[in-house]
Amino acid sequence: MKKVALNNLHEKLGAKMVPFAGYNMPVRYSSDLEEHNTVRNGVGVFDVSHMGEFVLEGPEALDLIQRVTSNDASKLVDGQAQYSYLPNEDGGVVDDLLVYKFKDEKYMLVVNASNIEKDWNWISKYNTKGAIMKNVSDSHSLFAVQGPKAIEALQSLTSVNLSDIKFYNFVVGPLAGVEYVIISATGYTGAGGFEIYVSNDHAEQVWNAIFEAGAAYDIKPIGLGARDTLRLEMGYCLYGNDITDETSPLEAGLGWVTKFTKEFTNSKNLQAQKEAGITRKLVAFKMIDKGIPRSHYALEDANENNIGEVTSGTMSPSLGYGVGLGYVTLENSKVGTEIFVAIRNRKLKAEVIKLPFYKA
């Protein structure tokens, strides 16, 4: 079991620690509901240092990224990030990730914790032209400072004007007395805020400074439990649930980051699938009857025909009813379609809706 740099600090804060993606991680400090609402309405900090970071450098770095990722990284300008995924050779997804461009010939890929070794080996397999690859996952910490009060909570710690950093852009600058910090206007909550990348040597200094500066805004540490309900309210995919090695990225709604203007892994087969048309689709649904949808529950139509299954589901803290994502047959994927979730011996009514579930 790996431990993040601030593992002992989280234990001292009274966090409930659980194994997650091979790491000992804080799942909650108080309650999932309280922590969820803190992020939606104020500001909270997640330690997500279990995430993986690969630095790619040299004249062949962009070419490698273009060949292994679905999105078009050539469109990135310095200081910009991009959501993308790594297609596999069989029509599924190796992982989803963020691509950061620092400058020509220097990029960073941020991958899911459970897939660090898998992704490294996958990208290395395609690194036939000698791009310089560095796995810096174990030497960096990542804090997600999320919520509508994130700018106010952080601004006193840096000379960088945080209001000027546009969504999916980042700045490398000073923060909390540390000269080299990546301040990225990204996140997995839909509540606004930043993701802060810092070396492990300075992780505790930065964490403590964030909480001192944010005290006036009632800043709180937040665990992985609330992270899941926050991302689901926005309909953000979770690797291992909504996208996997077996799921088609086009069926998962990732066509918007699948750019056929270039060749990449399995691009010809994916283009053929796009032209032929998909037969099922990942949809969002809200519960009409009372009940909480859970992963792998069957989805049915009004005639009790199986039409798919739930991939993610929860009781939405912000909305007060059950919400979920799941794959259904194309004819049952239209917004407004009535579907049923099989929960034990009951068939509970739900409705396909347009994302996001929660609108600020």
Protein backbone atom coordinates (compact mmCIF):
# COMPACT_ATOMS: atom_id res chain seq x y z
CA MET A 1 0.00 0.00 0.00
CA LYS A 2 1.49 3.31 -1.09
CA LYS A 3 1.12 6.47 1.00
CA VAL A 4 0.85 10.06 -0.19
CA ALA A 5 3.37 12.54 1.25
CA LEU A 6 0.84 13.94 3.75
CA ASN A 7 -0.55 10.59 4.89
CA ASN A 8 0.32 11.19 8.55
CA LEU A 9 -1.20 14.67 8.46
CA HIS A 10 -4.52 13.26 7.21
CA GLU A 11 -4.52 10.67 9.97
CA LYS A 12 -3.89 13.41 12.55
CA LEU A 13 -6.84 15.34 11.10
CA GLY A 14 -9.01 12.31 11.88
CA ALA A 15 -9.62 11.23 8.31
CA LYS A 16 -11.09 7.82 7.67
CA MET A 17 -8.39 6.18 5.53
CA VAL A 18 -9.21 3.50 2.97
CA PRO A 19 -7.28 1.60 0.28
CA PHE A 20 -7.91 3.25 -3.10
CA ALA A 21 -6.01 2.58 -6.34
CA GLY A 22 -3.15 1.07 -4.35
CA TYR A 23 -2.88 4.06 -1.99
CA ASN A 24 -3.96 4.73 1.58
CA MET A 25 -6.36 7.63 0.97
CA PRO A 26 -8.70 9.84 3.04
CA VAL A 27 -12.30 8.96 2.14
CA ARG A 28 -13.85 11.46 4.57
CA TYR A 29 -12.99 13.73 7.50
CA SER A 30 -16.50 14.55 8.78
CA SER A 31 -19.36 13.34 6.56
CA ASP A 32 -19.72 12.99 2.80
CA LEU A 33 -22.75 15.28 2.85
CA GLU A 34 -21.06 18.06 4.81
CA GLU A 35 -17.93 17.86 2.67
CA HIS A 36 -19.93 17.84 -0.57
CA ASN A 37 -21.81 20.98 0.48
CA THR A 38 -18.58 22.68 1.59
CA VAL A 39 -17.21 22.38 -1.96
CA ARG A 40 -20.47 23.31 -3.70
CA ASN A 41 -21.00 26.42 -1.58
CA GLY A 42 -17.59 27.43 -0.20
CA VAL A 43 -14.14 25.91 -0.61
CA GLY A 44 -12.52 22.60 0.22
CA VAL A 45 -9.21 20.85 -0.46
CA PHE A 46 -8.70 17.32 -1.74
CA ASP A 47 -5.32 15.64 -1.48
CA VAL A 48 -5.27 13.74 -4.77
CA SER A 49 -1.54 13.12 -4.82
CA HIS A 50 -2.20 9.52 -5.85
CA MET A 51 -2.72 10.74 -9.42
CA GLY A 52 0.09 10.06 -11.89
CA GLU A 53 2.23 12.63 -13.72
CA PHE A 54 4.45 11.91 -16.72
CA VAL A 55 6.69 14.61 -18.22
CA LEU A 56 7.36 14.24 -21.96
CA GLU A 57 10.13 16.31 -23.49
CA GLY A 58 12.18 16.71 -26.62
CA PRO A 59 11.48 17.15 -30.34
CA GLU A 60 9.47 13.91 -30.49
CA ALA A 61 7.24 14.60 -27.46
CA LEU A 62 4.29 16.08 -29.38
CA ASP A 63 4.43 13.38 -32.05
CA LEU A 64 4.19 10.68 -29.37
CA ILE A 65 1.28 12.42 -27.65
CA GLN A 66 -0.51 12.78 -31.00
CA ARG A 67 -0.13 9.08 -31.74
CA VAL A 68 -1.34 7.78 -28.36
CA THR A 69 -4.10 10.29 -27.47
CA SER A 70 -7.43 10.96 -29.14
CA ASN A 71 -7.53 14.74 -28.91
CA ASP A 72 -5.42 17.11 -31.02
CA ALA A 73 -2.58 18.28 -28.78
CA SER A 74 -1.10 20.35 -31.63
CA LYS A 75 -3.84 22.90 -30.91
CA LEU A 76 -2.53 23.54 -27.39
CA VAL A 77 -0.81 26.84 -26.64
CA ASP A 78 1.70 27.31 -23.81
CA GLY A 79 -0.08 27.26 -20.45
CA GLN A 80 -3.10 25.31 -21.69
CA ALA A 81 -4.47 21.91 -20.63
CA GLN A 82 -6.60 19.50 -22.64
CA TYR A 83 -8.87 16.59 -21.73
CA SER A 84 -8.17 13.47 -23.77
CA TYR A 85 -7.99 9.68 -23.59
CA LEU A 86 -5.67 6.84 -24.59
CA PRO A 87 -7.49 4.53 -27.01
CA ASN A 88 -6.51 0.86 -26.97
CA GLU A 89 -6.21 -1.32 -30.05
CA ASP A 90 -9.50 -3.15 -29.44
CA GLY A 91 -12.01 -0.30 -29.45
CA GLY A 92 -11.83 0.52 -25.73
CA VAL A 93 -10.05 3.04 -23.52
CA VAL A 94 -6.72 2.55 -21.72
CA ASP A 95 -7.36 5.64 -19.57
CA ASP A 96 -8.59 9.22 -19.69
CA LEU A 97 -6.10 11.96 -18.90
CA LEU A 98 -5.10 15.62 -19.04
CA VAL A 99 -2.38 16.91 -21.37
CA TYR A 100 -0.55 20.05 -20.21
CA LYS A 101 1.63 22.10 -22.57
CA PHE A 102 4.41 24.07 -20.86
CA LYS A 103 6.22 25.04 -24.06
CA ASP A 104 7.25 23.47 -27.34
CA GLU A 105 8.94 20.16 -26.54
CA LYS A 106 7.68 20.01 -22.92
CA TYR A 107 4.37 18.46 -21.88
CA MET A 108 2.88 16.76 -18.82
CA LEU A 109 0.30 13.97 -18.84
CA VAL A 110 -1.85 13.51 -15.73
CA VAL A 111 -3.31 10.01 -15.46
CA ASN A 112 -5.49 8.06 -13.06
CA ALA A 113 -3.81 6.57 -10.02
CA SER A 114 -5.00 3.02 -10.70
CA ASN A 115 -3.49 3.16 -14.20
CA ILE A 116 -0.05 4.71 -13.62
CA GLU A 117 1.99 1.61 -14.46
CA LYS A 118 -0.41 0.49 -17.19
CA ASP A 119 -0.37 3.92 -18.88
CA TRP A 120 3.41 4.26 -18.58
CA ASN A 121 3.92 0.88 -20.24
CA TRP A 122 1.33 1.67 -22.93
CA ILE A 123 2.86 5.02 -23.90
CA SER A 124 6.39 3.59 -23.70
CA LYS A 125 5.41 0.91 -26.21
CA TYR A 126 4.68 3.62 -28.77
CA ASN A 127 7.74 5.70 -27.91
CA THR A 128 9.69 4.48 -30.93
CA LYS A 129 11.24 7.84 -31.85
CA GLY A 130 13.01 8.66 -28.61
CA ALA A 131 10.82 11.17 -26.77
CA ILE A 132 12.21 11.79 -23.27
CA MET A 133 9.78 10.34 -20.71
CA LYS A 134 9.93 10.90 -16.95
CA ASN A 135 7.51 9.40 -14.43
CA VAL A 136 7.40 12.04 -11.66
CA SER A 137 4.30 10.63 -9.94
CA ASP A 138 6.06 9.67 -6.70
CA SER A 139 7.84 13.01 -6.25
CA HIS A 140 4.83 15.33 -6.64
CA SER A 141 1.76 16.14 -4.59
CA LEU A 142 -1.53 17.38 -6.02
CA PHE A 143 -4.09 19.42 -4.08
CA ALA A 144 -7.46 20.23 -5.62
CA VAL A 145 -8.72 23.48 -4.08
CA GLN A 146 -12.32 23.48 -5.25
CA GLY A 147 -15.39 25.63 -4.75
CA PRO A 148 -16.77 29.11 -5.53
CA LYS A 149 -14.54 30.70 -2.85
CA ALA A 150 -11.30 29.11 -4.14
CA ILE A 151 -9.90 32.32 -5.64
CA GLU A 152 -10.48 34.33 -2.46
CA ALA A 153 -8.98 31.57 -0.32
CA LEU A 154 -5.79 31.31 -2.40
CA GLN A 155 -5.13 34.80 -3.74
CA SER A 156 -3.14 36.07 -0.76
CA LEU A 157 -0.63 33.22 -1.25
CA THR A 158 0.54 34.21 -4.74
CA SER A 159 1.46 37.18 -6.92
CA VAL A 160 -0.29 35.46 -9.83
CA ASN A 161 -3.70 37.00 -10.53
CA LEU A 162 -5.83 33.89 -10.15
CA SER A 163 -8.87 35.55 -11.74
CA ASP A 164 -6.89 35.81 -14.99
CA ILE A 165 -6.35 32.05 -15.31
CA LYS A 166 -9.01 30.81 -17.70
CA PHE A 167 -10.66 27.40 -17.38
CA TYR A 168 -8.28 24.65 -18.55
CA ASN A 169 -5.29 26.99 -18.45
CA PHE A 170 -2.44 27.04 -15.94
CA VAL A 171 0.42 29.17 -14.68
CA VAL A 172 3.75 28.14 -13.18
CA GLY A 173 4.55 30.59 -10.41
CA PRO A 174 5.07 31.21 -6.70
CA LEU A 175 2.58 30.02 -4.12
CA ALA A 176 2.91 29.99 -0.33
CA GLY A 177 6.61 30.85 -0.49
CA VAL A 178 7.42 28.09 -2.98
CA GLU A 179 8.78 29.39 -6.29
CA TYR A 180 7.78 26.57 -8.65
CA VAL A 181 4.12 25.58 -8.31
CA ILE A 182 1.73 24.62 -11.11
CA ILE A 183 -1.57 26.44 -10.56
CA SER A 184 -4.15 24.92 -12.90
CA ALA A 185 -7.75 26.07 -13.39
CA THR A 186 -9.01 22.52 -13.65
CA GLY A 187 -10.92 20.16 -11.40
CA TYR A 188 -13.31 17.24 -11.11
CA THR A 189 -16.16 18.87 -9.20
CA GLY A 190 -17.83 21.46 -11.43
CA ALA A 191 -17.55 23.92 -8.54
CA GLY A 192 -14.64 25.94 -9.91
CA GLY A 193 -11.21 26.22 -8.38
CA PHE A 194 -7.67 25.05 -9.00
CA GLU A 195 -5.41 22.03 -8.97
CA ILE A 196 -2.05 22.72 -7.34
CA TYR A 197 0.98 20.62 -8.29
CA VAL A 198 3.95 20.91 -5.92
CA SER A 199 7.01 18.80 -5.11
CA ASN A 200 6.67 16.54 -2.08
CA ASP A 201 9.44 18.53 -0.36
CA HIS A 202 7.10 21.53 -0.13
CA ALA A 203 3.77 19.72 0.11
CA GLU A 204 3.15 20.23 3.84
CA GLN A 205 4.25 23.89 3.68
CA VAL A 206 1.77 24.57 0.85
CA TRP A 207 -1.06 22.57 2.46
CA ASN A 208 -0.69 24.41 5.78
CA ALA A 209 -0.50 27.80 4.07
CA ILE A 210 -3.67 27.07 2.08
CA PHE A 211 -5.55 26.29 5.27
CA GLU A 212 -4.24 29.35 7.08
CA ALA A 213 -5.16 31.65 4.19
CA GLY A 214 -8.51 29.92 3.70
CA ALA A 215 -9.55 29.95 7.35
CA ALA A 216 -11.59 33.13 6.83
CA TYR A 217 -13.56 31.26 4.14
CA ASP A 218 -14.18 28.20 6.34
CA ILE A 219 -11.94 26.02 4.16
CA LYS A 220 -12.03 22.30 5.00
CA PRO A 221 -10.23 19.11 3.94
CA ILE A 222 -12.39 16.92 1.71
CA GLY A 223 -12.26 13.17 1.11
CA LEU A 224 -12.81 10.90 -1.87
CA GLY A 225 -16.42 10.19 -0.89
CA ALA A 226 -17.52 13.75 -1.68
CA ARG A 227 -15.28 13.79 -4.75
CA ASP A 228 -17.39 11.01 -6.24
CA THR A 229 -20.77 12.66 -5.58
CA LEU A 230 -19.49 16.02 -6.87
CA ARG A 231 -18.15 14.55 -10.14
CA LEU A 232 -21.30 12.52 -10.66
CA GLU A 233 -23.56 15.56 -10.30
CA MET A 234 -21.65 16.99 -13.28
CA GLY A 235 -21.75 13.72 -15.23
CA TYR A 236 -17.95 13.44 -15.38
CA CYS A 237 -16.81 9.93 -16.33
CA LEU A 238 -14.91 7.79 -13.84
CA TYR A 239 -12.42 5.35 -15.28
CA GLY A 240 -13.22 1.79 -14.23
CA ASN A 241 -16.94 2.58 -14.05
CA ASP A 242 -18.18 4.64 -17.00
CA ILE A 243 -15.19 4.06 -19.27
CA THR A 244 -13.01 0.94 -19.33
CA ASP A 245 -10.78 -1.14 -21.57
CA GLU A 246 -13.98 -2.63 -23.01
CA THR A 247 -16.14 0.47 -23.50
CA SER A 248 -16.19 2.39 -26.77
CA PRO A 249 -15.23 6.05 -26.30
CA LEU A 250 -17.85 7.01 -28.88
CA GLU A 251 -20.57 5.19 -26.93
CA ALA A 252 -19.25 6.93 -23.79
CA GLY A 253 -19.87 10.35 -25.33
CA LEU A 254 -16.18 11.14 -25.87
CA GLY A 255 -16.60 11.97 -29.54
CA TRP A 256 -15.90 15.63 -28.71
CA VAL A 257 -12.30 14.73 -27.79
CA THR A 258 -11.86 12.25 -30.65
CA LYS A 259 -10.21 14.16 -33.50
CA PHE A 260 -10.01 12.30 -36.80
CA THR A 261 -7.92 15.08 -38.35
CA LYS A 262 -4.87 13.00 -37.35
CA GLU A 263 -3.98 9.34 -37.01
CA PHE A 264 -3.84 7.82 -33.54
CA THR A 265 -4.16 4.38 -31.96
CA ASN A 266 -7.16 2.55 -33.50
CA SER A 267 -8.39 5.75 -35.17
CA LYS A 268 -9.45 3.99 -38.38
CA ASN A 269 -11.65 1.52 -36.52
CA LEU A 270 -13.15 4.26 -34.38
CA GLN A 271 -13.89 6.33 -37.47
CA ALA A 272 -15.59 3.31 -39.05
CA GLN A 273 -17.67 2.90 -35.89
CA LYS A 274 -18.66 6.55 -36.05
CA GLU A 275 -19.74 6.22 -39.67
CA ALA A 276 -21.64 2.98 -39.07
CA GLY A 277 -23.34 4.42 -35.97
CA ILE A 278 -23.22 3.27 -32.37
CA THR A 279 -25.78 0.81 -30.98
CA ARG A 280 -25.71 1.91 -27.34
CA LYS A 281 -24.94 5.09 -25.48
CA LEU A 282 -23.92 6.32 -22.04
CA VAL A 283 -26.81 8.40 -20.71
CA ALA A 284 -27.61 10.38 -17.60
CA PHE A 285 -30.82 9.62 -15.73
CA LYS A 286 -32.60 10.89 -12.64
CA MET A 287 -34.78 8.78 -10.41
CA ILE A 288 -38.50 9.48 -10.49
CA ASP A 289 -39.30 6.83 -7.88
CA LYS A 290 -37.40 6.90 -4.60
CA GLY A 291 -34.25 4.84 -4.73
CA ILE A 292 -30.50 5.00 -5.25
CA PRO A 293 -29.07 3.51 -8.45
CA ARG A 294 -25.78 1.66 -8.01
CA SER A 295 -23.14 0.40 -10.40
CA HIS A 296 -24.15 -2.81 -12.26
CA TYR A 297 -27.88 -2.52 -11.52
CA ALA A 298 -29.83 -3.58 -14.60
CA LEU A 299 -31.73 -1.01 -16.67
CA GLU A 300 -35.01 -2.03 -18.29
CA ASP A 301 -37.74 -0.60 -20.49
CA ALA A 302 -41.44 -0.51 -19.60
CA ASN A 303 -41.84 -4.09 -20.88
CA GLU A 304 -39.08 -5.36 -18.57
CA ASN A 305 -36.65 -5.89 -21.45
CA ASN A 306 -33.04 -5.45 -20.39
CA ILE A 307 -31.66 -2.36 -22.15
CA GLY A 308 -28.37 -1.88 -20.29
CA GLU A 309 -26.87 -1.27 -16.88
CA VAL A 310 -25.91 1.44 -14.42
CA THR A 311 -22.21 2.39 -14.40
CA SER A 312 -22.31 5.08 -11.66
CA GLY A 313 -25.06 6.15 -9.30
CA THR A 314 -25.69 7.97 -6.04
CA MET A 315 -28.13 10.07 -4.05
CA SER A 316 -27.36 13.62 -5.18
CA PRO A 317 -26.66 15.74 -2.07
CA SER A 318 -27.38 18.97 -3.98
CA LEU A 319 -30.62 17.80 -5.59
CA GLY A 320 -32.06 15.37 -3.05
CA TYR A 321 -32.82 12.53 -5.46
CA GLY A 322 -31.01 9.61 -7.04
CA VAL A 323 -28.96 10.18 -10.19
CA GLY A 324 -26.93 7.88 -12.37
CA LEU A 325 -25.04 7.15 -15.54
CA GLY A 326 -25.51 3.99 -17.56
CA TYR A 327 -25.31 2.44 -20.99
CA VAL A 328 -28.60 1.84 -22.77
CA THR A 329 -29.65 0.80 -26.27
CA LEU A 330 -29.72 3.69 -28.71
CA GLU A 331 -33.53 3.71 -29.01
CA ASN A 332 -33.78 4.28 -25.23
CA SER A 333 -31.16 7.03 -25.08
CA LYS A 334 -33.23 10.09 -26.00
CA VAL A 335 -33.73 12.79 -23.36
CA GLY A 336 -37.15 12.29 -21.74
CA THR A 337 -37.20 8.50 -22.23
CA GLU A 338 -38.69 6.59 -19.30
CA ILE A 339 -36.47 3.75 -18.09
CA PHE A 340 -36.50 1.50 -15.04
CA VAL A 341 -33.75 0.59 -12.59
CA ALA A 342 -33.91 -2.94 -11.21
CA ILE A 343 -33.15 -2.57 -7.50
CA ARG A 344 -33.48 -5.97 -5.83
CA ASN A 345 -37.04 -7.12 -6.60
CA ARG A 346 -38.32 -3.67 -7.51
CA LYS A 347 -38.43 -1.79 -10.80
CA LEU A 348 -38.01 1.91 -10.07
CA LYS A 349 -38.88 4.56 -12.63
CA ALA A 350 -36.25 6.96 -13.93
CA GLU A 351 -35.95 9.46 -16.77
CA VAL A 352 -33.09 10.09 -19.21
CA ILE A 353 -31.99 13.71 -18.90
CA LYS A 354 -29.38 16.08 -20.31
CA LEU A 355 -26.21 16.68 -18.31
CA PRO A 356 -25.20 18.20 -15.99
CA PHE A 357 -27.52 17.06 -13.22
CA TYR A 358 -26.51 20.03 -11.09
CA LYS A 359 -26.51 23.52 -12.55
CA ALA A 360 -24.93 26.25 -10.46
